[in-house]
Amino acid sequence: MGDEKSNDRASEMARMLARAEAAVADLAKSYTGWATADVDKCAEFLAAARAAAPEARVACARDIHAVAHNIKGQGTSFGYPLMTRLGQSLCHLTRRKPGFDDGDLDLIGAHLDAMRLVLTKEIRGDGGELGNKLGQRLEEKVRAAVEEA
């Protein structure tokens, strides 16, 4: 009798796991749409930063950081670890800087362009050699920008 109960529990757990995996797979189908909306939201904040006085740019960068944090957190979960890497780099830039000049805003724009490319081309995984080079280049630029601050 104990074995039967144990088997029933194991079967129920297997069914629950299968339902959860199916739900994640359904969510993954929508990922590029969500992520594109997030990148567009960042682009709106970037446009506001470009139009703002230098002292007001930090608030726009904080808004970008909040959205980039979501991008960073979701990419790998849905098969886009390059998005996670790009989001992490953008978070690093927007979290650490006390001020943002035009070059910093251009670097934010470069991150958004890279993210759009990944989403448009549906580049899953790490992007291979090209994805690695792109990630490294942006990370190097962010390190230099943060060190200047």
N, C-alpha and C. Protein backbone atom coordinates (compact mmCIF):
# COMPACT_ATOMS: atom_id res chain seq x y z
N MET A 1 0.82 -1.19 0.00
CA MET A 1 0.00 0.00 0.00
C MET A 1 0.86 1.25 0.00
N GLY A 2 1.95 1.24 0.77
CA GLY A 2 2.85 2.40 0.82
C GLY A 2 3.49 2.68 -0.52
N ASP A 3 3.85 1.59 -1.24
CA ASP A 3 4.47 1.77 -2.55
C ASP A 3 3.48 2.38 -3.54
N GLU A 4 2.23 2.01 -3.44
CA GLU A 4 1.20 2.55 -4.34
C GLU A 4 1.04 4.05 -4.12
N LYS A 5 1.01 4.47 -2.84
CA LYS A 5 0.90 5.89 -2.52
C LYS A 5 2.12 6.65 -3.03
N SER A 6 3.26 6.06 -2.86
CA SER A 6 4.50 6.67 -3.31
C SER A 6 4.50 6.83 -4.83
N ASN A 7 4.03 5.81 -5.53
CA ASN A 7 3.94 5.86 -6.99
C ASN A 7 2.94 6.92 -7.44
N ASP A 8 1.80 7.03 -6.72
CA ASP A 8 0.81 8.05 -7.05
C ASP A 8 1.40 9.45 -6.90
N ARG A 9 2.14 9.66 -5.82
CA ARG A 9 2.78 10.96 -5.59
C ARG A 9 3.80 11.26 -6.68
N ALA A 10 4.58 10.26 -7.05
CA ALA A 10 5.59 10.43 -8.10
C ALA A 10 4.93 10.74 -9.43
N SER A 11 3.83 10.08 -9.73
CA SER A 11 3.10 10.34 -10.98
C SER A 11 2.53 11.75 -10.99
N GLU A 12 1.97 12.16 -9.87
CA GLU A 12 1.41 13.52 -9.78
C GLU A 12 2.52 14.56 -9.92
N MET A 13 3.65 14.32 -9.30
CA MET A 13 4.78 15.24 -9.42
C MET A 13 5.26 15.32 -10.88
N ALA A 14 5.30 14.20 -11.55
CA ALA A 14 5.72 14.16 -12.95
C ALA A 14 4.74 14.94 -13.82
N ARG A 15 3.43 14.80 -13.54
CA ARG A 15 2.41 15.56 -14.30
C ARG A 15 2.55 17.06 -14.03
N MET A 16 2.78 17.43 -12.78
CA MET A 16 2.94 18.85 -12.44
C MET A 16 4.18 19.43 -13.12
N LEU A 17 5.25 18.66 -13.13
CA LEU A 17 6.48 19.10 -13.78
C LEU A 17 6.26 19.26 -15.28
N ALA A 18 5.57 18.34 -15.89
CA ALA A 18 5.29 18.43 -17.33
C ALA A 18 4.44 19.66 -17.64
N ARG A 19 3.45 19.96 -16.78
CA ARG A 19 2.62 21.16 -16.99
C ARG A 19 3.45 22.42 -16.83
N ALA A 20 4.33 22.44 -15.86
CA ALA A 20 5.20 23.61 -15.65
C ALA A 20 6.13 23.81 -16.84
N GLU A 21 6.70 22.72 -17.34
CA GLU A 21 7.60 22.83 -18.50
C GLU A 21 6.85 23.31 -19.73
N ALA A 22 5.62 22.86 -19.91
CA ALA A 22 4.81 23.31 -21.04
C ALA A 22 4.48 24.80 -20.91
N ALA A 23 4.21 25.24 -19.69
CA ALA A 23 3.92 26.66 -19.47
C ALA A 23 5.13 27.52 -19.78
N VAL A 24 6.32 27.08 -19.38
CA VAL A 24 7.54 27.81 -19.68
C VAL A 24 7.78 27.85 -21.18
N ALA A 25 7.53 26.74 -21.86
CA ALA A 25 7.70 26.70 -23.32
C ALA A 25 6.75 27.68 -23.99
N ASP A 26 5.50 27.78 -23.50
CA ASP A 26 4.56 28.75 -24.06
C ASP A 26 5.03 30.17 -23.81
N LEU A 27 5.56 30.43 -22.62
CA LEU A 27 6.08 31.76 -22.32
C LEU A 27 7.28 32.10 -23.20
N ALA A 28 8.11 31.12 -23.46
CA ALA A 28 9.29 31.34 -24.29
C ALA A 28 8.93 31.81 -25.69
N LYS A 29 7.79 31.33 -26.20
CA LYS A 29 7.33 31.75 -27.52
C LYS A 29 7.07 33.26 -27.56
N SER A 30 6.70 33.83 -26.45
CA SER A 30 6.38 35.26 -26.37
C SER A 30 7.57 36.11 -25.96
N TYR A 31 8.68 35.48 -25.63
CA TYR A 31 9.82 36.22 -25.08
C TYR A 31 10.30 37.35 -25.99
N THR A 32 10.47 37.09 -27.28
CA THR A 32 11.01 38.15 -28.14
C THR A 32 10.10 39.37 -28.17
N GLY A 33 8.80 39.14 -28.09
CA GLY A 33 7.86 40.27 -28.04
C GLY A 33 8.03 41.10 -26.78
N TRP A 34 8.12 40.42 -25.64
CA TRP A 34 8.31 41.13 -24.37
C TRP A 34 9.63 41.88 -24.37
N ALA A 35 10.67 41.17 -24.78
CA ALA A 35 12.00 41.76 -24.74
C ALA A 35 12.09 42.95 -25.69
N THR A 36 11.46 42.84 -26.84
CA THR A 36 11.44 43.98 -27.77
C THR A 36 10.74 45.17 -27.14
N ALA A 37 9.64 44.92 -26.45
CA ALA A 37 8.93 46.00 -25.76
C ALA A 37 9.83 46.63 -24.69
N ASP A 38 10.61 45.81 -24.00
CA ASP A 38 11.54 46.34 -22.99
C ASP A 38 12.64 47.18 -23.64
N VAL A 39 13.17 46.72 -24.75
CA VAL A 39 14.21 47.48 -25.45
C VAL A 39 13.62 48.80 -25.94
N ASP A 40 12.40 48.76 -26.45
CA ASP A 40 11.74 50.00 -26.90
C ASP A 40 11.54 50.97 -25.74
N LYS A 41 11.19 50.43 -24.57
CA LYS A 41 11.01 51.27 -23.38
C LYS A 41 12.35 51.92 -23.01
N CYS A 42 13.43 51.15 -23.08
CA CYS A 42 14.76 51.71 -22.81
C CYS A 42 15.09 52.80 -23.82
N ALA A 43 14.71 52.60 -25.07
CA ALA A 43 14.97 53.60 -26.12
C ALA A 43 14.22 54.90 -25.82
N GLU A 44 13.02 54.79 -25.27
CA GLU A 44 12.26 55.98 -24.88
C GLU A 44 12.99 56.73 -23.75
N PHE A 45 13.48 55.98 -22.77
CA PHE A 45 14.23 56.60 -21.68
C PHE A 45 15.52 57.23 -22.18
N LEU A 46 16.15 56.57 -23.16
CA LEU A 46 17.37 57.11 -23.75
C LEU A 46 17.08 58.41 -24.48
N ALA A 47 15.99 58.45 -25.23
CA ALA A 47 15.60 59.69 -25.93
C ALA A 47 15.35 60.81 -24.91
N ALA A 48 14.71 60.47 -23.80
CA ALA A 48 14.48 61.47 -22.74
C ALA A 48 15.80 61.95 -22.16
N ALA A 49 16.75 61.03 -21.98
CA ALA A 49 18.07 61.42 -21.45
C ALA A 49 18.78 62.35 -22.42
N ARG A 50 18.70 62.07 -23.71
CA ARG A 50 19.35 62.92 -24.71
C ARG A 50 18.76 64.33 -24.69
N ALA A 51 17.46 64.44 -24.40
CA ALA A 51 16.78 65.74 -24.39
C ALA A 51 16.92 66.47 -23.06
N ALA A 52 17.37 65.76 -22.04
CA ALA A 52 17.41 66.31 -20.68
C ALA A 52 18.69 67.08 -20.43
N ALA A 53 18.61 67.93 -19.42
CA ALA A 53 19.81 68.61 -18.93
C ALA A 53 20.73 67.55 -18.32
N PRO A 54 22.04 67.79 -18.34
CA PRO A 54 22.99 66.77 -17.84
C PRO A 54 22.65 66.22 -16.44
N GLU A 55 22.20 67.07 -15.55
CA GLU A 55 21.90 66.59 -14.20
C GLU A 55 20.65 65.72 -14.15
N ALA A 56 19.80 65.81 -15.14
CA ALA A 56 18.57 65.01 -15.18
C ALA A 56 18.79 63.65 -15.86
N ARG A 57 19.93 63.47 -16.49
CA ARG A 57 20.20 62.22 -17.21
C ARG A 57 20.32 61.01 -16.28
N VAL A 58 20.75 61.24 -15.06
CA VAL A 58 20.92 60.13 -14.13
C VAL A 58 19.58 59.45 -13.86
N ALA A 59 18.52 60.23 -13.73
CA ALA A 59 17.19 59.64 -13.49
C ALA A 59 16.76 58.77 -14.67
N CYS A 60 17.03 59.23 -15.88
CA CYS A 60 16.70 58.44 -17.07
C CYS A 60 17.52 57.15 -17.09
N ALA A 61 18.78 57.25 -16.70
CA ALA A 61 19.65 56.07 -16.67
C ALA A 61 19.14 55.07 -15.64
N ARG A 62 18.62 55.55 -14.53
CA ARG A 62 18.08 54.64 -13.51
C ARG A 62 16.86 53.90 -14.07
N ASP A 63 16.04 54.61 -14.86
CA ASP A 63 14.89 53.96 -15.49
C ASP A 63 15.36 52.88 -16.47
N ILE A 64 16.39 53.20 -17.24
CA ILE A 64 16.96 52.21 -18.16
C ILE A 64 17.48 51.01 -17.37
N HIS A 65 18.15 51.29 -16.27
CA HIS A 65 18.71 50.22 -15.44
C HIS A 65 17.61 49.25 -14.98
N ALA A 66 16.49 49.80 -14.54
CA ALA A 66 15.40 48.94 -14.04
C ALA A 66 14.90 47.99 -15.13
N VAL A 67 14.75 48.49 -16.34
CA VAL A 67 14.27 47.65 -17.43
C VAL A 67 15.36 46.66 -17.86
N ALA A 68 16.61 47.15 -17.93
CA ALA A 68 17.73 46.28 -18.31
C ALA A 68 17.89 45.14 -17.31
N HIS A 69 17.58 45.39 -16.07
CA HIS A 69 17.65 44.35 -15.04
C HIS A 69 16.66 43.22 -15.37
N ASN A 70 15.48 43.58 -15.84
CA ASN A 70 14.51 42.56 -16.27
C ASN A 70 15.03 41.77 -17.46
N ILE A 71 15.60 42.48 -18.42
CA ILE A 71 16.16 41.82 -19.61
C ILE A 71 17.24 40.83 -19.19
N LYS A 72 18.10 41.29 -18.31
CA LYS A 72 19.19 40.44 -17.81
C LYS A 72 18.64 39.19 -17.14
N GLY A 73 17.61 39.35 -16.37
CA GLY A 73 17.06 38.23 -15.61
C GLY A 73 16.28 37.23 -16.44
N GLN A 74 15.73 37.65 -17.57
CA GLN A 74 14.87 36.76 -18.35
C GLN A 74 15.57 36.06 -19.51
N GLY A 75 16.60 36.66 -20.07
CA GLY A 75 17.21 36.15 -21.29
C GLY A 75 17.56 34.67 -21.24
N THR A 76 18.36 34.30 -20.28
CA THR A 76 18.83 32.91 -20.19
C THR A 76 17.66 31.96 -19.95
N SER A 77 16.69 32.38 -19.16
CA SER A 77 15.54 31.52 -18.86
C SER A 77 14.78 31.12 -20.12
N PHE A 78 14.82 31.98 -21.13
CA PHE A 78 14.06 31.73 -22.35
C PHE A 78 14.95 31.41 -23.55
N GLY A 79 16.21 31.02 -23.29
CA GLY A 79 17.08 30.56 -24.36
C GLY A 79 17.90 31.64 -25.04
N TYR A 80 18.00 32.82 -24.43
CA TYR A 80 18.74 33.93 -25.01
C TYR A 80 19.81 34.45 -24.03
N PRO A 81 20.81 33.63 -23.71
CA PRO A 81 21.83 34.08 -22.77
C PRO A 81 22.63 35.29 -23.26
N LEU A 82 22.69 35.52 -24.57
CA LEU A 82 23.36 36.73 -25.04
C LEU A 82 22.59 37.97 -24.60
N MET A 83 21.27 37.88 -24.55
CA MET A 83 20.48 39.01 -24.03
C MET A 83 20.80 39.24 -22.56
N THR A 84 20.97 38.15 -21.82
CA THR A 84 21.34 38.29 -20.41
C THR A 84 22.69 39.01 -20.30
N ARG A 85 23.63 38.61 -21.12
CA ARG A 85 24.97 39.23 -21.09
C ARG A 85 24.90 40.71 -21.44
N LEU A 86 24.16 41.04 -22.48
CA LEU A 86 24.03 42.44 -22.89
C LEU A 86 23.29 43.25 -21.82
N GLY A 87 22.26 42.65 -21.24
CA GLY A 87 21.52 43.32 -20.17
C GLY A 87 22.39 43.55 -18.95
N GLN A 88 23.24 42.59 -18.64
CA GLN A 88 24.15 42.73 -17.50
C GLN A 88 25.14 43.87 -17.74
N SER A 89 25.66 43.95 -18.95
CA SER A 89 26.60 45.01 -19.29
C SER A 89 25.91 46.37 -19.19
N LEU A 90 24.69 46.46 -19.70
CA LEU A 90 23.94 47.72 -19.63
C LEU A 90 23.62 48.07 -18.18
N CYS A 91 23.28 47.08 -17.39
CA CYS A 91 23.04 47.33 -15.96
C CYS A 91 24.30 47.88 -15.28
N HIS A 92 25.43 47.30 -15.61
CA HIS A 92 26.69 47.76 -15.01
C HIS A 92 26.93 49.23 -15.34
N LEU A 93 26.70 49.61 -16.57
CA LEU A 93 26.90 51.00 -16.99
C LEU A 93 25.93 51.94 -16.29
N THR A 94 24.67 51.58 -16.26
CA THR A 94 23.65 52.51 -15.73
C THR A 94 23.58 52.50 -14.21
N ARG A 95 24.17 51.53 -13.57
CA ARG A 95 24.15 51.47 -12.10
C ARG A 95 25.29 52.28 -11.50
N ARG A 96 26.40 52.33 -12.13
CA ARG A 96 27.62 52.84 -11.50
C ARG A 96 27.96 54.29 -11.80
N LYS A 97 27.43 54.84 -12.86
CA LYS A 97 27.86 56.17 -13.28
C LYS A 97 27.16 57.26 -12.47
N PRO A 98 27.93 58.27 -12.02
CA PRO A 98 27.31 59.40 -11.33
C PRO A 98 26.74 60.44 -12.31
N GLY A 99 27.17 60.40 -13.56
CA GLY A 99 26.69 61.31 -14.59
C GLY A 99 26.84 60.66 -15.94
N PHE A 100 26.12 61.17 -16.92
CA PHE A 100 26.10 60.56 -18.24
C PHE A 100 26.32 61.63 -19.30
N ASP A 101 27.45 61.51 -20.02
CA ASP A 101 27.71 62.43 -21.12
C ASP A 101 27.19 61.81 -22.42
N ASP A 102 27.37 62.52 -23.52
CA ASP A 102 26.86 62.03 -24.80
C ASP A 102 27.47 60.68 -25.18
N GLY A 103 28.76 60.48 -24.87
CA GLY A 103 29.41 59.20 -25.17
C GLY A 103 28.77 58.05 -24.40
N ASP A 104 28.42 58.30 -23.15
CA ASP A 104 27.74 57.28 -22.34
C ASP A 104 26.38 56.94 -22.94
N LEU A 105 25.67 57.97 -23.39
CA LEU A 105 24.36 57.73 -24.00
C LEU A 105 24.51 56.96 -25.30
N ASP A 106 25.56 57.26 -26.05
CA ASP A 106 25.83 56.48 -27.27
C ASP A 106 26.11 55.02 -26.94
N LEU A 107 26.80 54.78 -25.84
CA LEU A 107 27.10 53.41 -25.42
C LEU A 107 25.81 52.69 -24.99
N ILE A 108 24.93 53.38 -24.34
CA ILE A 108 23.62 52.80 -24.02
C ILE A 108 22.91 52.44 -25.32
N GLY A 109 22.94 53.36 -26.29
CA GLY A 109 22.32 53.10 -27.59
C GLY A 109 22.92 51.89 -28.29
N ALA A 110 24.23 51.72 -28.17
CA ALA A 110 24.89 50.56 -28.79
C ALA A 110 24.39 49.26 -28.17
N HIS A 111 24.17 49.26 -26.87
CA HIS A 111 23.61 48.08 -26.19
C HIS A 111 22.21 47.78 -26.74
N LEU A 112 21.40 48.81 -26.88
CA LEU A 112 20.04 48.62 -27.36
C LEU A 112 20.04 48.11 -28.81
N ASP A 113 20.94 48.64 -29.62
CA ASP A 113 21.07 48.16 -31.00
C ASP A 113 21.45 46.68 -31.03
N ALA A 114 22.38 46.29 -30.18
CA ALA A 114 22.81 44.90 -30.12
C ALA A 114 21.65 44.00 -29.69
N MET A 115 20.88 44.46 -28.71
CA MET A 115 19.73 43.68 -28.25
C MET A 115 18.69 43.53 -29.36
N ARG A 116 18.45 44.61 -30.08
CA ARG A 116 17.49 44.54 -31.19
C ARG A 116 17.94 43.51 -32.23
N LEU A 117 19.23 43.50 -32.51
CA LEU A 117 19.78 42.55 -33.47
C LEU A 117 19.53 41.11 -33.00
N VAL A 118 19.82 40.84 -31.74
CA VAL A 118 19.62 39.50 -31.19
C VAL A 118 18.15 39.09 -31.31
N LEU A 119 17.26 40.01 -30.99
CA LEU A 119 15.83 39.69 -31.02
C LEU A 119 15.29 39.57 -32.44
N THR A 120 15.70 40.46 -33.31
CA THR A 120 15.23 40.44 -34.70
C THR A 120 15.69 39.18 -35.41
N LYS A 121 16.94 38.82 -35.19
CA LYS A 121 17.51 37.64 -35.84
C LYS A 121 17.26 36.36 -35.04
N GLU A 122 16.60 36.52 -33.89
CA GLU A 122 16.31 35.39 -32.99
C GLU A 122 17.57 34.56 -32.73
N ILE A 123 18.60 35.25 -32.28
CA ILE A 123 19.88 34.61 -31.98
C ILE A 123 19.80 33.97 -30.60
N ARG A 124 19.53 32.71 -30.60
CA ARG A 124 19.45 31.96 -29.34
C ARG A 124 20.86 31.57 -28.91
N GLY A 125 20.98 31.19 -27.68
CA GLY A 125 22.29 30.79 -27.18
C GLY A 125 23.18 32.00 -26.97
N ASP A 126 24.48 31.75 -27.00
CA ASP A 126 25.43 32.83 -26.70
C ASP A 126 25.85 33.63 -27.92
N GLY A 127 25.33 33.27 -29.09
CA GLY A 127 25.66 34.01 -30.30
C GLY A 127 26.95 33.59 -30.95
N GLY A 128 27.59 32.55 -30.42
CA GLY A 128 28.83 32.06 -31.00
C GLY A 128 29.96 33.07 -30.93
N GLU A 129 30.88 32.97 -31.85
CA GLU A 129 32.06 33.85 -31.87
C GLU A 129 31.66 35.32 -32.02
N LEU A 130 30.71 35.59 -32.90
CA LEU A 130 30.27 36.97 -33.11
C LEU A 130 29.61 37.52 -31.85
N GLY A 131 28.77 36.73 -31.21
CA GLY A 131 28.13 37.17 -29.97
C GLY A 131 29.14 37.42 -28.88
N ASN A 132 30.15 36.57 -28.80
CA ASN A 132 31.20 36.75 -27.80
C ASN A 132 31.98 38.04 -28.06
N LYS A 133 32.34 38.28 -29.31
CA LYS A 133 33.07 39.51 -29.65
C LYS A 133 32.24 40.75 -29.33
N LEU A 134 30.97 40.71 -29.69
CA LEU A 134 30.08 41.83 -29.41
C LEU A 134 29.98 42.07 -27.91
N GLY A 135 29.75 41.01 -27.15
CA GLY A 135 29.66 41.14 -25.70
C GLY A 135 30.95 41.68 -25.10
N GLN A 136 32.09 41.15 -25.53
CA GLN A 136 33.38 41.61 -25.01
C GLN A 136 33.61 43.08 -25.32
N ARG A 137 33.30 43.49 -26.54
CA ARG A 137 33.53 44.88 -26.94
C ARG A 137 32.69 45.84 -26.10
N LEU A 138 31.43 45.53 -25.93
CA LEU A 138 30.57 46.38 -25.11
C LEU A 138 31.03 46.39 -23.65
N GLU A 139 31.40 45.23 -23.14
CA GLU A 139 31.87 45.16 -21.75
C GLU A 139 33.15 45.98 -21.56
N GLU A 140 34.05 45.94 -22.53
CA GLU A 140 35.27 46.75 -22.46
C GLU A 140 34.94 48.24 -22.43
N LYS A 141 34.02 48.65 -23.30
CA LYS A 141 33.61 50.05 -23.35
C LYS A 141 32.96 50.48 -22.03
N VAL A 142 32.16 49.60 -21.46
CA VAL A 142 31.52 49.91 -20.18
C VAL A 142 32.56 50.04 -19.08
N ARG A 143 33.53 49.12 -19.05
CA ARG A 143 34.58 49.21 -18.03
C ARG A 143 35.31 50.54 -18.13
N ALA A 144 35.66 50.93 -19.34
CA ALA A 144 36.36 52.21 -19.55
C ALA A 144 35.48 53.38 -19.11
N ALA A 145 34.21 53.34 -19.44
CA ALA A 145 33.31 54.44 -19.08
C ALA A 145 33.14 54.53 -17.57
N VAL A 146 33.03 53.40 -16.91
CA VAL A 146 32.84 53.39 -15.46
C VAL A 146 34.10 53.85 -14.75
N GLU A 147 35.26 53.46 -15.28
CA GLU A 147 36.54 53.88 -14.67
C GLU A 147 36.77 55.36 -14.80
N GLU A 148 36.25 55.98 -15.86
CA GLU A 148 36.39 57.43 -16.05
C GLU A 148 35.63 58.20 -14.99
N ALA A 149 34.56 57.61 -14.50
CA ALA A 149 33.65 58.33 -13.60
C ALA A 149 34.25 58.67 -12.28
